[in-house]
């Protein structure tokens, strides 16, 4: 990949060299400038395609993150519900144990019913 500075340099127009002595060199320079512009436009198109691809990948990752956050939230709610059920069952079990430990007469005349 190219850095921002390199991209700026690539986008700058090339300086034309004027040569009064040999016209073949001028034609050669123009040809090289023209081909480098084609190369730059092709490079810019490739970079644009790469940027579009990466933007699309970011959108996909954002959706995946949102989905995983949703699933994590559901898991936490489920865990909280299960913990409440477990706590209530423990309380019921403890009250049953206490009642079993009381004798017949204590259960018969117990104030708690």
Protein backbone atom coordinates (compact mmCIF):
# COMPACT_ATOMS: atom_id res chain seq x y z
CA UNK A 1 0.00 0.00 0.00
CA UNK A 2 1.04 3.59 -0.52
CA UNK A 3 1.26 6.24 2.17
CA UNK A 4 -0.67 9.51 1.86
CA UNK A 5 2.49 11.36 0.86
CA UNK A 6 3.23 8.86 -1.91
CA UNK A 7 -0.33 9.15 -3.20
CA UNK A 8 -0.01 12.96 -3.30
CA UNK A 9 3.23 12.63 -5.23
CA UNK A 10 1.62 10.23 -7.68
CA UNK A 11 -1.30 12.59 -8.26
CA UNK A 12 0.91 15.59 -9.00
CA UNK A 13 1.35 16.26 -12.71
CA UNK A 14 4.75 15.47 -14.06
CA UNK A 15 6.96 18.32 -15.14
CA UNK A 16 7.50 18.51 -18.85
CA UNK A 17 11.05 18.92 -20.00
CA UNK A 18 11.47 21.23 -22.94
CA UNK A 19 14.26 20.32 -25.23
CA UNK A 20 15.03 22.68 -28.11
CA UNK A 21 17.82 20.60 -29.48
CA UNK A 22 16.30 17.21 -30.22
CA UNK A 23 12.60 16.82 -31.05
CA UNK A 24 12.79 13.05 -30.72
CA UNK A 25 13.58 13.49 -27.04
CA UNK A 26 10.58 15.76 -26.62
CA UNK A 27 8.35 13.18 -28.29
CA UNK A 28 9.89 10.49 -26.12
CA UNK A 29 9.27 12.58 -22.98
CA UNK A 30 5.66 13.19 -23.99
CA UNK A 31 5.20 9.47 -24.58
CA UNK A 32 6.68 8.64 -21.17
CA UNK A 33 4.49 11.29 -19.52
CA UNK A 34 1.41 9.90 -21.29
CA UNK A 35 2.19 6.33 -20.27
CA UNK A 36 2.88 7.37 -16.68
CA UNK A 37 -0.52 9.13 -16.60
CA UNK A 38 -2.13 5.91 -17.79
CA UNK A 39 -0.27 4.04 -15.10
CA UNK A 40 -1.41 6.56 -12.49
CA UNK A 41 -5.04 6.31 -13.57
CA UNK A 42 -4.82 2.52 -13.45
CA UNK A 43 -3.17 2.77 -10.05
CA UNK A 44 -5.88 5.15 -8.85
CA UNK A 45 -8.57 2.75 -10.09
CA UNK A 46 -6.92 -0.15 -8.28
CA UNK A 47 -6.64 1.93 -5.11
CA UNK A 48 -10.29 2.96 -5.38
CA UNK A 49 -11.29 -0.68 -5.77
CA UNK A 50 -9.17 -1.59 -2.74
CA UNK A 51 -10.76 1.20 -0.70
CA UNK A 52 -14.26 0.08 -1.70
CA UNK A 53 -13.41 -3.50 -0.79
CA UNK A 54 -12.06 -2.47 2.61
CA UNK A 55 -15.10 -0.28 3.30
CA UNK A 56 -17.31 -3.27 2.53
CA UNK A 57 -15.24 -5.44 4.87
CA UNK A 58 -15.66 -2.84 7.64
CA UNK A 59 -19.43 -2.87 7.15
CA UNK A 60 -19.45 -6.67 7.41
CA UNK A 61 -17.31 -6.58 10.56
CA UNK A 62 -19.60 -3.94 12.11
CA UNK A 63 -22.59 -6.23 11.51
CA UNK A 64 -20.71 -9.16 13.04
CA UNK A 65 -19.78 -7.08 16.10
CA UNK A 66 -23.38 -5.94 16.53
CA UNK A 67 -24.60 -9.54 16.30
CA UNK A 68 -22.02 -10.78 18.82
CA UNK A 69 -22.95 -7.95 21.21
CA UNK A 70 -26.60 -8.96 20.88
CA UNK A 71 -25.75 -12.59 21.61
CA UNK A 72 -23.61 -11.60 24.61
CA UNK A 73 -26.52 -9.55 25.99
CA UNK A 74 -28.89 -12.50 25.58
CA UNK A 75 -26.40 -14.78 27.32
CA UNK A 76 -26.12 -12.38 30.27
CA UNK A 77 -29.91 -12.18 30.61
CA UNK A 78 -30.18 -15.96 30.48
CA UNK A 79 -27.45 -16.30 33.12
CA UNK A 80 -29.26 -13.81 35.39
CA UNK A 81 -32.56 -15.74 35.04
CA UNK A 82 -30.87 -19.05 35.78
CA UNK A 83 -29.18 -17.55 38.84
CA UNK A 84 -32.55 -16.30 40.16
CA UNK A 85 -34.09 -19.74 39.65
CA UNK A 86 -31.17 -21.39 41.40
CA UNK A 87 -31.43 -19.00 44.35
CA UNK A 88 -35.17 -19.62 44.74
CA UNK A 89 -34.66 -23.40 44.60
CA UNK A 90 -31.93 -23.14 47.27
CA UNK A 91 -34.32 -21.22 49.53
CA UNK A 92 -37.03 -23.84 49.05
CA UNK A 93 -34.56 -26.62 49.79
CA UNK A 94 -33.38 -24.90 52.97
CA UNK A 95 -36.94 -24.43 54.23
CA UNK A 96 -37.68 -28.10 53.55
CA UNK A 97 -34.53 -29.12 55.46
CA UNK A 98 -35.52 -26.97 58.43
CA UNK A 99 -39.00 -28.50 58.48
CA UNK A 100 -37.52 -32.00 58.31
CA UNK A 101 -35.25 -31.25 61.27
CA UNK A 102 -38.18 -30.20 63.46
CA UNK A 103 -39.89 -32.89 65.43
CA UNK A 104 -43.49 -33.98 65.06
CA UNK A 105 -44.77 -31.78 67.90
CA UNK A 106 -42.83 -28.76 66.73
CA UNK A 107 -44.29 -29.07 63.27
CA UNK A 108 -47.77 -29.61 64.68
CA UNK A 109 -47.67 -26.54 66.92
CA UNK A 110 -45.44 -24.41 64.68
CA UNK A 111 -46.44 -20.78 64.32
CA UNK A 112 -45.11 -20.76 60.74
CA UNK A 113 -47.31 -22.52 58.24
